[in-house]
């Protein structure tokens, strides 16, 4: 009889805990699903005409080539070689030193679309991310991975009309990737 009481007590105790875990996982799944649906609804654009058809302030994904421009050639770091946009990392096998930082460099640049150019302005407030880097350069004990002029990339940001300029701009840019929307 004692075994039955012990088993019943264990079930009574574990049932609410299991219910809490189950409900928590369902809430987390719902949040992930909503975020995915929101992200999937972001349009991928590859022309200036299609960009200008979007409402101003809309978050978009632009797919185009990094264009050579005065700002991009001035911004390229000599330490990163030909890379314009890059993440610095320790080289394979090297331990990270105390308080050592590895910056992500995302300067303003120009993106060439099928029918024109768009100025890209990184976000000053939100952290940027780069993924699916196309190039890697190892210099001394550091590795630089990123993108250079001519690479076709996808850039995420909010589009705006440029004040007094003929070229539209993408502001609050938070991400650059070497793949298209389908692969993200």
N, C-alpha and C. Protein backbone atom coordinates (compact mmCIF):
# COMPACT_ATOMS: atom_id res chain seq x y z
N UNK A 1 0.81 -1.19 0.00
CA UNK A 1 0.00 0.00 0.00
C UNK A 1 0.86 1.26 0.00
N UNK A 2 2.02 1.19 0.66
CA UNK A 2 2.89 2.36 0.71
C UNK A 2 3.44 2.71 -0.66
N UNK A 3 3.70 1.72 -1.49
CA UNK A 3 4.22 1.99 -2.82
C UNK A 3 3.21 2.77 -3.65
N UNK A 4 1.96 2.48 -3.52
CA UNK A 4 0.92 3.19 -4.26
C UNK A 4 0.84 4.63 -3.79
N UNK A 5 0.92 4.89 -2.51
CA UNK A 5 0.87 6.26 -1.99
C UNK A 5 2.08 7.07 -2.45
N UNK A 6 3.24 6.41 -2.46
CA UNK A 6 4.45 7.11 -2.91
C UNK A 6 4.35 7.46 -4.39
N UNK A 7 3.85 6.53 -5.20
CA UNK A 7 3.69 6.76 -6.62
C UNK A 7 2.67 7.86 -6.89
N UNK A 8 1.58 7.84 -6.19
CA UNK A 8 0.55 8.88 -6.35
C UNK A 8 1.11 10.25 -5.96
N UNK A 9 1.84 10.31 -4.88
CA UNK A 9 2.44 11.57 -4.45
C UNK A 9 3.43 12.11 -5.47
N UNK A 10 4.24 11.21 -6.03
CA UNK A 10 5.21 11.64 -7.04
C UNK A 10 4.50 12.17 -8.28
N UNK A 11 3.43 11.52 -8.70
CA UNK A 11 2.67 11.99 -9.86
C UNK A 11 2.01 13.34 -9.59
N UNK A 12 1.45 13.49 -8.40
CA UNK A 12 0.81 14.76 -8.04
C UNK A 12 1.84 15.89 -8.03
N UNK A 13 3.05 15.60 -7.58
CA UNK A 13 4.10 16.62 -7.51
C UNK A 13 4.66 16.95 -8.90
N UNK A 14 4.86 15.95 -9.74
CA UNK A 14 5.48 16.20 -11.04
C UNK A 14 4.51 16.74 -12.08
N UNK A 15 3.22 16.52 -11.89
CA UNK A 15 2.25 16.98 -12.89
C UNK A 15 2.26 18.51 -13.06
N UNK A 16 2.21 19.31 -12.02
CA UNK A 16 2.26 20.77 -12.22
C UNK A 16 3.59 21.24 -12.82
N UNK A 17 4.68 20.60 -12.41
CA UNK A 17 5.98 20.98 -12.96
C UNK A 17 6.03 20.67 -14.45
N UNK A 18 5.53 19.51 -14.84
CA UNK A 18 5.48 19.15 -16.26
C UNK A 18 4.59 20.10 -17.03
N UNK A 19 3.48 20.49 -16.43
CA UNK A 19 2.56 21.43 -17.09
C UNK A 19 3.23 22.78 -17.30
N UNK A 20 3.98 23.25 -16.32
CA UNK A 20 4.69 24.54 -16.45
C UNK A 20 5.72 24.47 -17.58
N UNK A 21 6.49 23.38 -17.64
CA UNK A 21 7.46 23.23 -18.73
C UNK A 21 6.77 23.17 -20.08
N UNK A 22 5.67 22.45 -20.17
CA UNK A 22 4.95 22.33 -21.43
C UNK A 22 4.41 23.69 -21.88
N UNK A 23 3.77 24.42 -20.98
CA UNK A 23 3.21 25.73 -21.35
C UNK A 23 4.32 26.72 -21.71
N UNK A 24 5.42 26.68 -20.97
CA UNK A 24 6.55 27.56 -21.29
C UNK A 24 7.12 27.28 -22.67
N UNK A 25 7.24 26.01 -23.01
CA UNK A 25 7.78 25.67 -24.33
C UNK A 25 6.81 26.09 -25.43
N UNK A 26 5.51 26.00 -25.19
CA UNK A 26 4.53 26.43 -26.19
C UNK A 26 4.58 27.95 -26.40
N UNK A 27 4.77 28.69 -25.30
CA UNK A 27 4.88 30.15 -25.43
C UNK A 27 6.15 30.52 -26.21
N UNK A 28 7.25 29.87 -25.91
CA UNK A 28 8.50 30.15 -26.62
C UNK A 28 8.37 29.80 -28.10
N UNK A 29 7.75 28.68 -28.40
CA UNK A 29 7.54 28.29 -29.79
C UNK A 29 6.69 29.31 -30.52
N UNK A 30 5.65 29.81 -29.85
CA UNK A 30 4.79 30.83 -30.46
C UNK A 30 5.55 32.11 -30.77
N UNK A 31 6.44 32.52 -29.86
CA UNK A 31 7.24 33.72 -30.10
C UNK A 31 8.19 33.52 -31.28
N UNK A 32 8.83 32.38 -31.34
CA UNK A 32 9.75 32.10 -32.45
C UNK A 32 8.98 32.06 -33.76
N UNK A 33 7.81 31.45 -33.75
CA UNK A 33 7.00 31.35 -34.96
C UNK A 33 6.58 32.74 -35.45
N UNK A 34 6.16 33.63 -34.53
CA UNK A 34 5.77 34.99 -34.92
C UNK A 34 6.97 35.76 -35.48
N UNK A 35 8.13 35.62 -34.85
CA UNK A 35 9.33 36.30 -35.35
C UNK A 35 9.69 35.80 -36.75
N UNK A 36 9.59 34.51 -36.95
CA UNK A 36 9.90 33.93 -38.26
C UNK A 36 8.93 34.46 -39.31
N UNK A 37 7.65 34.51 -38.99
CA UNK A 37 6.66 35.01 -39.94
C UNK A 37 6.91 36.47 -40.27
N UNK A 38 7.27 37.27 -39.26
CA UNK A 38 7.58 38.68 -39.49
C UNK A 38 8.80 38.81 -40.40
N UNK A 39 9.83 38.02 -40.14
CA UNK A 39 11.04 38.08 -40.95
C UNK A 39 10.79 37.58 -42.36
N UNK A 40 9.98 36.54 -42.49
CA UNK A 40 9.67 35.99 -43.82
C UNK A 40 8.88 36.98 -44.67
N UNK A 41 8.16 37.91 -44.01
CA UNK A 41 7.37 38.89 -44.74
C UNK A 41 8.20 40.08 -45.24
N UNK A 42 9.45 40.18 -44.81
CA UNK A 42 10.32 41.28 -45.26
C UNK A 42 10.65 41.04 -46.73
N UNK A 43 10.35 42.02 -47.59
CA UNK A 43 10.59 41.81 -49.02
C UNK A 43 12.07 41.89 -49.39
N UNK A 44 12.49 41.01 -50.30
CA UNK A 44 13.85 41.08 -50.85
C UNK A 44 13.77 41.82 -52.18
N UNK A 45 14.56 42.88 -52.30
CA UNK A 45 14.47 43.78 -53.45
C UNK A 45 15.83 43.83 -54.14
N UNK A 46 15.81 43.86 -55.47
CA UNK A 46 17.07 43.94 -56.21
C UNK A 46 17.09 45.07 -57.24
N UNK A 47 16.11 45.99 -57.14
CA UNK A 47 16.11 47.15 -58.05
C UNK A 47 15.65 48.39 -57.30
N UNK A 48 16.14 49.54 -57.75
CA UNK A 48 15.76 50.81 -57.12
C UNK A 48 14.27 51.09 -57.34
N UNK A 49 13.75 50.74 -58.51
CA UNK A 49 12.32 50.96 -58.79
C UNK A 49 11.45 50.18 -57.82
N UNK A 50 11.79 48.93 -57.54
CA UNK A 50 11.02 48.13 -56.59
C UNK A 50 11.17 48.68 -55.17
N UNK A 51 12.34 49.21 -54.85
CA UNK A 51 12.56 49.82 -53.54
C UNK A 51 11.69 51.05 -53.36
N UNK A 52 11.62 51.90 -54.38
CA UNK A 52 10.83 53.12 -54.29
C UNK A 52 9.33 52.84 -54.26
N UNK A 53 8.92 51.65 -54.67
CA UNK A 53 7.51 51.26 -54.59
C UNK A 53 7.10 50.88 -53.17
N UNK A 54 8.08 50.64 -52.30
CA UNK A 54 7.81 50.28 -50.90
C UNK A 54 7.53 51.54 -50.09
N UNK A 55 6.74 51.43 -49.02
CA UNK A 55 6.53 52.59 -48.15
C UNK A 55 7.85 53.02 -47.49
N UNK A 56 8.04 54.34 -47.38
CA UNK A 56 9.25 54.87 -46.74
C UNK A 56 9.27 54.40 -45.29
N UNK A 57 10.42 53.98 -44.82
CA UNK A 57 10.56 53.48 -43.45
C UNK A 57 10.37 51.98 -43.32
N UNK A 58 10.00 51.32 -44.41
CA UNK A 58 9.79 49.87 -44.41
C UNK A 58 11.12 49.14 -44.29
N UNK A 59 11.15 48.08 -43.49
CA UNK A 59 12.34 47.24 -43.41
C UNK A 59 12.38 46.34 -44.64
N UNK A 60 13.51 46.34 -45.32
CA UNK A 60 13.66 45.56 -46.56
C UNK A 60 15.00 44.84 -46.56
N UNK A 61 15.10 43.85 -47.43
CA UNK A 61 16.35 43.18 -47.73
C UNK A 61 16.75 43.59 -49.14
N UNK A 62 17.89 44.23 -49.28
CA UNK A 62 18.39 44.61 -50.61
C UNK A 62 19.45 43.62 -51.04
N UNK A 63 19.35 43.16 -52.28
CA UNK A 63 20.33 42.22 -52.83
C UNK A 63 21.04 42.90 -53.99
N UNK A 64 22.33 43.12 -53.84
CA UNK A 64 23.11 43.78 -54.87
C UNK A 64 24.59 43.63 -54.62
N UNK A 65 25.39 44.26 -55.47
CA UNK A 65 26.85 44.18 -55.38
C UNK A 65 27.40 45.41 -54.66
N UNK A 66 28.42 45.19 -53.86
CA UNK A 66 29.09 46.30 -53.19
C UNK A 66 29.82 47.10 -54.27
N UNK A 67 29.44 48.36 -54.41
CA UNK A 67 29.98 49.20 -55.49
C UNK A 67 31.25 49.91 -55.03
N UNK A 68 32.18 50.10 -55.96
CA UNK A 68 33.35 50.91 -55.62
C UNK A 68 32.92 52.37 -55.52
N UNK A 69 33.29 53.01 -54.44
CA UNK A 69 32.96 54.43 -54.27
C UNK A 69 34.04 55.07 -53.41
N UNK A 70 34.00 56.39 -53.34
CA UNK A 70 35.01 57.12 -52.56
C UNK A 70 34.94 56.71 -51.10
N UNK A 71 33.73 56.55 -50.56
CA UNK A 71 33.61 56.19 -49.14
C UNK A 71 34.10 54.78 -48.88
N UNK A 72 33.82 53.85 -49.80
CA UNK A 72 34.23 52.47 -49.55
C UNK A 72 35.74 52.30 -49.66
N UNK A 73 36.39 52.97 -50.59
CA UNK A 73 37.84 52.82 -50.70
C UNK A 73 38.57 53.52 -49.57
N UNK A 74 38.01 54.62 -49.06
CA UNK A 74 38.62 55.30 -47.93
C UNK A 74 38.45 54.50 -46.65
N UNK A 75 37.33 53.76 -46.53
CA UNK A 75 37.01 53.04 -45.31
C UNK A 75 37.75 51.72 -45.18
N UNK A 76 38.20 51.16 -46.30
CA UNK A 76 38.85 49.86 -46.25
C UNK A 76 40.10 49.94 -45.39
N UNK A 77 40.20 49.04 -44.46
CA UNK A 77 41.33 49.03 -43.54
C UNK A 77 42.51 48.32 -44.19
N UNK A 78 43.67 48.90 -44.04
CA UNK A 78 44.86 48.27 -44.60
C UNK A 78 45.15 46.96 -43.89
N UNK A 79 44.78 46.86 -42.61
CA UNK A 79 45.06 45.63 -41.87
C UNK A 79 44.20 44.47 -42.31
N UNK A 80 43.03 44.74 -42.89
CA UNK A 80 42.13 43.68 -43.33
C UNK A 80 42.29 43.36 -44.80
N UNK A 81 43.29 43.90 -45.43
CA UNK A 81 43.50 43.65 -46.86
C UNK A 81 42.40 44.30 -47.69
N UNK A 82 41.87 43.59 -48.67
CA UNK A 82 40.86 44.18 -49.56
C UNK A 82 39.44 44.19 -48.97
N UNK A 83 39.27 43.67 -47.76
CA UNK A 83 37.93 43.57 -47.19
C UNK A 83 37.42 44.94 -46.76
N UNK A 84 36.18 45.24 -47.13
CA UNK A 84 35.53 46.49 -46.74
C UNK A 84 34.71 46.28 -45.47
N UNK A 85 33.93 45.21 -45.45
CA UNK A 85 33.09 44.84 -44.31
C UNK A 85 33.68 43.56 -43.75
N UNK A 86 34.04 43.55 -42.46
CA UNK A 86 34.69 42.35 -41.94
C UNK A 86 34.51 42.20 -40.44
N UNK A 87 34.71 40.95 -40.00
CA UNK A 87 34.75 40.59 -38.59
C UNK A 87 36.16 40.10 -38.31
N UNK A 88 36.76 40.66 -37.28
CA UNK A 88 38.10 40.25 -36.90
C UNK A 88 37.98 39.15 -35.85
N UNK A 89 38.81 38.11 -35.97
CA UNK A 89 38.76 36.99 -35.04
C UNK A 89 40.19 36.52 -34.75
N UNK A 90 40.38 35.77 -33.65
CA UNK A 90 41.70 35.17 -33.45
C UNK A 90 41.90 34.05 -34.47
N UNK A 91 43.11 33.88 -34.91
CA UNK A 91 43.41 32.82 -35.87
C UNK A 91 43.23 31.46 -35.20
N UNK A 92 42.94 30.44 -35.97
CA UNK A 92 42.71 29.09 -35.43
C UNK A 92 43.84 28.67 -34.51
N UNK A 93 43.47 28.16 -33.35
CA UNK A 93 44.45 27.65 -32.40
C UNK A 93 45.02 28.68 -31.46
N UNK A 94 44.72 29.96 -31.68
CA UNK A 94 45.26 30.99 -30.80
C UNK A 94 44.27 31.31 -29.70
N UNK A 95 44.77 31.39 -28.48
CA UNK A 95 43.91 31.74 -27.36
C UNK A 95 43.64 33.24 -27.36
N UNK A 96 42.47 33.60 -26.85
CA UNK A 96 42.09 35.00 -26.74
C UNK A 96 42.80 35.59 -25.52
N UNK A 97 43.41 36.73 -25.72
CA UNK A 97 44.12 37.40 -24.64
C UNK A 97 43.13 38.14 -23.74
N UNK A 98 43.57 38.44 -22.53
CA UNK A 98 42.73 39.14 -21.57
C UNK A 98 42.29 40.50 -22.13
N UNK A 99 41.00 40.76 -22.09
CA UNK A 99 40.36 41.99 -22.55
C UNK A 99 40.58 42.27 -24.04
N UNK A 100 40.92 41.27 -24.81
CA UNK A 100 41.12 41.45 -26.24
C UNK A 100 39.76 41.54 -26.93
N UNK A 101 39.63 42.49 -27.82
CA UNK A 101 38.37 42.69 -28.54
C UNK A 101 38.58 42.42 -30.03
N UNK A 102 37.52 41.93 -30.65
CA UNK A 102 37.55 41.64 -32.08
C UNK A 102 36.39 42.37 -32.73
N UNK A 103 36.67 43.54 -33.29
CA UNK A 103 35.58 44.38 -33.81
C UNK A 103 34.97 43.85 -35.10
N UNK A 104 33.72 44.24 -35.29
CA UNK A 104 33.04 44.04 -36.56
C UNK A 104 33.03 45.40 -37.23
N UNK A 105 33.56 45.49 -38.42
CA UNK A 105 33.67 46.77 -39.14
C UNK A 105 32.63 46.79 -40.25
N UNK A 106 31.69 47.73 -40.13
CA UNK A 106 30.63 47.91 -41.13
C UNK A 106 30.52 49.40 -41.44
N UNK A 107 31.35 49.90 -42.37
CA UNK A 107 31.31 51.33 -42.70
C UNK A 107 30.17 51.63 -43.67
N UNK A 108 29.82 52.90 -43.84
CA UNK A 108 28.86 53.24 -44.90
C UNK A 108 29.44 52.85 -46.26
N UNK A 109 28.59 52.36 -47.15
CA UNK A 109 29.04 51.98 -48.48
C UNK A 109 27.89 52.13 -49.46
N UNK A 110 28.17 51.87 -50.73
CA UNK A 110 27.16 51.97 -51.78
C UNK A 110 26.88 50.57 -52.32
N UNK A 111 25.60 50.25 -52.47
CA UNK A 111 25.17 48.96 -53.01
C UNK A 111 24.63 49.19 -54.41
N UNK A 112 25.16 48.47 -55.38
CA UNK A 112 24.71 48.61 -56.77
C UNK A 112 23.62 47.59 -57.04
N UNK A 113 22.41 48.08 -57.37
CA UNK A 113 21.29 47.22 -57.73
C UNK A 113 21.19 47.17 -59.25
N UNK A 114 20.21 46.46 -59.78
CA UNK A 114 20.12 46.26 -61.23
C UNK A 114 19.90 47.56 -62.00
N UNK A 115 19.26 48.56 -61.38
CA UNK A 115 18.97 49.80 -62.11
C UNK A 115 19.44 51.06 -61.39
N UNK A 116 20.37 50.93 -60.48
CA UNK A 116 20.89 52.11 -59.79
C UNK A 116 21.60 51.75 -58.50
N UNK A 117 21.99 52.79 -57.77
CA UNK A 117 22.74 52.61 -56.53
C UNK A 117 21.91 53.04 -55.32
N UNK A 118 22.26 52.48 -54.16
CA UNK A 118 21.64 52.83 -52.89
C UNK A 118 22.77 53.03 -51.88
N UNK A 119 22.72 54.15 -51.15
CA UNK A 119 23.70 54.39 -50.09
C UNK A 119 23.29 53.59 -48.86
N UNK A 120 24.25 52.91 -48.24
CA UNK A 120 24.00 52.07 -47.08
C UNK A 120 24.59 52.76 -45.85
N UNK A 121 23.75 52.98 -44.83
CA UNK A 121 24.17 53.63 -43.59
C UNK A 121 23.96 52.67 -42.42
N UNK A 122 25.02 52.19 -41.79
CA UNK A 122 24.87 51.27 -40.66
C UNK A 122 24.16 51.93 -39.48
N UNK A 123 23.52 51.12 -38.67
CA UNK A 123 22.83 51.61 -37.48
C UNK A 123 23.85 52.03 -36.43
N UNK A 124 23.62 53.20 -35.85
CA UNK A 124 24.51 53.68 -34.79
C UNK A 124 24.10 53.11 -33.44
N UNK A 125 22.86 52.65 -33.32
CA UNK A 125 22.33 52.20 -32.04
C UNK A 125 22.29 50.68 -31.90
N UNK A 126 21.92 49.98 -32.96
CA UNK A 126 21.77 48.52 -32.89
C UNK A 126 23.04 47.83 -33.36
N UNK A 127 23.33 46.72 -32.73
CA UNK A 127 24.52 45.95 -33.10
C UNK A 127 24.34 45.33 -34.49
N UNK A 128 25.39 45.37 -35.25
CA UNK A 128 25.35 44.79 -36.60
C UNK A 128 25.82 43.34 -36.57
N UNK A 129 25.44 42.61 -37.59
CA UNK A 129 25.87 41.22 -37.74
C UNK A 129 26.19 40.96 -39.20
N UNK A 130 27.21 40.16 -39.43
CA UNK A 130 27.48 39.70 -40.78
C UNK A 130 27.49 38.18 -40.75
N UNK A 131 27.03 37.58 -41.84
CA UNK A 131 27.00 36.12 -41.90
C UNK A 131 27.32 35.66 -43.32
N UNK A 132 27.70 34.42 -43.43
CA UNK A 132 28.03 33.81 -44.72
C UNK A 132 29.06 34.65 -45.47
N UNK A 133 30.14 34.99 -44.75
CA UNK A 133 31.20 35.80 -45.34
C UNK A 133 31.80 35.08 -46.55
N UNK A 134 32.17 35.85 -47.55
CA UNK A 134 32.67 35.27 -48.80
C UNK A 134 34.19 35.18 -48.87
N UNK A 135 34.89 35.94 -48.02
CA UNK A 135 36.35 35.97 -48.09
C UNK A 135 36.95 35.85 -46.70
N UNK A 136 38.15 35.29 -46.65
CA UNK A 136 38.88 35.16 -45.40
C UNK A 136 40.34 35.52 -45.65
N UNK A 137 40.89 36.34 -44.77
CA UNK A 137 42.28 36.75 -44.88
C UNK A 137 42.94 36.58 -43.52
N UNK A 138 44.05 35.87 -43.47
CA UNK A 138 44.78 35.69 -42.23
C UNK A 138 46.01 36.58 -42.25
N UNK A 139 46.14 37.41 -41.22
CA UNK A 139 47.29 38.30 -41.09
C UNK A 139 47.82 38.16 -39.67
N UNK A 140 49.05 37.74 -39.54
CA UNK A 140 49.69 37.49 -38.25
C UNK A 140 48.85 36.50 -37.45
N UNK A 141 48.40 36.89 -36.26
CA UNK A 141 47.63 35.98 -35.41
C UNK A 141 46.13 36.27 -35.46
N UNK A 142 45.70 36.99 -36.47
CA UNK A 142 44.27 37.33 -36.61
C UNK A 142 43.74 36.88 -37.97
N UNK A 143 42.44 36.61 -37.96
CA UNK A 143 41.76 36.24 -39.20
C UNK A 143 40.65 37.25 -39.44
N UNK A 144 40.53 37.70 -40.67
CA UNK A 144 39.51 38.65 -41.06
C UNK A 144 38.59 37.96 -42.06
N UNK A 145 37.29 37.91 -41.75
CA UNK A 145 36.32 37.32 -42.68
C UNK A 145 35.30 38.39 -43.03
N UNK A 146 34.93 38.46 -44.31
CA UNK A 146 33.96 39.48 -44.69
C UNK A 146 33.76 39.60 -46.18
N UNK A 147 33.52 40.84 -46.61
CA UNK A 147 33.14 41.13 -47.99
C UNK A 147 34.01 42.24 -48.55
N UNK A 148 34.19 42.21 -49.86
CA UNK A 148 34.97 43.25 -50.54
C UNK A 148 34.16 43.81 -51.69
N UNK A 149 34.68 44.86 -52.30
CA UNK A 149 34.01 45.52 -53.42
C UNK A 149 33.76 44.50 -54.53
N UNK A 150 32.53 44.51 -55.06
CA UNK A 150 32.14 43.59 -56.12
C UNK A 150 31.35 42.38 -55.64
N UNK A 151 31.40 42.08 -54.35
CA UNK A 151 30.66 40.94 -53.81
C UNK A 151 29.16 41.21 -53.84
N UNK A 152 28.38 40.19 -54.16
CA UNK A 152 26.92 40.29 -54.13
C UNK A 152 26.48 39.90 -52.72
N UNK A 153 25.78 40.83 -52.05
CA UNK A 153 25.37 40.63 -50.67
C UNK A 153 23.90 40.98 -50.49
N UNK A 154 23.34 40.53 -49.38
CA UNK A 154 22.00 40.92 -48.95
C UNK A 154 22.15 41.80 -47.72
N UNK A 155 21.51 42.96 -47.74
CA UNK A 155 21.62 43.94 -46.66
C UNK A 155 20.24 44.20 -46.09
N UNK A 156 20.12 44.17 -44.75
CA UNK A 156 18.84 44.44 -44.10
C UNK A 156 18.86 45.81 -43.45
N UNK A 157 17.81 46.59 -43.71
CA UNK A 157 17.69 47.91 -43.11
C UNK A 157 16.37 48.56 -43.49
N UNK A 158 16.21 49.83 -43.07
CA UNK A 158 15.00 50.59 -43.39
C UNK A 158 15.33 51.57 -44.50
N UNK A 159 14.49 51.63 -45.50
CA UNK A 159 14.80 52.50 -46.63
C UNK A 159 14.20 53.87 -46.40
N UNK A 160 14.92 54.89 -46.88
CA UNK A 160 14.52 56.29 -46.76
C UNK A 160 14.88 57.02 -48.03
N UNK A 161 14.15 58.10 -48.26
CA UNK A 161 14.54 59.02 -49.33
C UNK A 161 15.70 59.84 -48.81
N UNK A 162 16.73 59.98 -49.61
CA UNK A 162 17.89 60.76 -49.21
C UNK A 162 17.56 62.24 -49.33
N UNK A 163 17.87 62.99 -48.28
CA UNK A 163 17.61 64.43 -48.29
C UNK A 163 18.49 65.13 -49.31
N UNK A 164 17.88 65.66 -50.37
CA UNK A 164 18.60 66.43 -51.37
C UNK A 164 19.54 65.60 -52.25
N UNK A 165 19.43 64.29 -52.21
CA UNK A 165 20.30 63.44 -53.03
C UNK A 165 19.45 62.64 -54.01
N UNK A 166 20.03 62.32 -55.13
CA UNK A 166 19.32 61.52 -56.14
C UNK A 166 19.35 60.04 -55.80
N UNK A 167 20.27 59.63 -54.93
CA UNK A 167 20.41 58.22 -54.59
C UNK A 167 19.62 57.91 -53.32
N UNK A 168 18.73 56.90 -53.35
CA UNK A 168 18.03 56.52 -52.12
C UNK A 168 19.02 55.90 -51.13
N UNK A 169 18.59 55.78 -49.89
CA UNK A 169 19.49 55.21 -48.90
C UNK A 169 18.77 54.20 -48.00
N UNK A 170 19.55 53.27 -47.52
CA UNK A 170 19.08 52.28 -46.56
C UNK A 170 19.73 52.64 -45.24
N UNK A 171 18.91 52.95 -44.24
CA UNK A 171 19.44 53.37 -42.94
C UNK A 171 19.15 52.29 -41.90
N UNK A 172 19.74 52.45 -40.74
CA UNK A 172 19.56 51.49 -39.65
C UNK A 172 19.89 50.07 -40.10
N UNK A 173 20.95 49.95 -40.90
CA UNK A 173 21.37 48.64 -41.39
C UNK A 173 21.96 47.84 -40.24
N UNK A 174 21.44 46.64 -40.04
CA UNK A 174 21.89 45.79 -38.95
C UNK A 174 22.46 44.46 -39.41
N UNK A 175 22.37 44.17 -40.70
CA UNK A 175 22.88 42.88 -41.15
C UNK A 175 23.33 42.88 -42.59
N UNK A 176 24.41 42.15 -42.85
CA UNK A 176 24.93 41.93 -44.20
C UNK A 176 25.23 40.44 -44.31
N UNK A 177 24.76 39.83 -45.39
CA UNK A 177 24.96 38.40 -45.59
C UNK A 177 25.38 38.10 -47.02
N UNK A 178 26.14 37.05 -47.18
CA UNK A 178 26.57 36.63 -48.50
C UNK A 178 25.58 35.73 -49.20
N UNK A 179 24.42 35.49 -48.59
CA UNK A 179 23.40 34.63 -49.21
C UNK A 179 22.13 35.43 -49.45
N UNK A 180 21.19 34.83 -50.15
CA UNK A 180 19.91 35.50 -50.39
C UNK A 180 18.91 35.14 -49.30
N UNK A 181 17.71 35.70 -49.40
CA UNK A 181 16.69 35.52 -48.38
C UNK A 181 16.32 34.05 -48.19
N UNK A 182 16.26 33.30 -49.27
CA UNK A 182 15.86 31.89 -49.18
C UNK A 182 16.85 31.08 -48.34
N UNK A 183 18.13 31.40 -48.42
CA UNK A 183 19.14 30.66 -47.66
C UNK A 183 19.24 31.13 -46.22
N UNK A 184 18.73 32.31 -45.92
CA UNK A 184 18.78 32.79 -44.55
C UNK A 184 17.79 32.03 -43.72
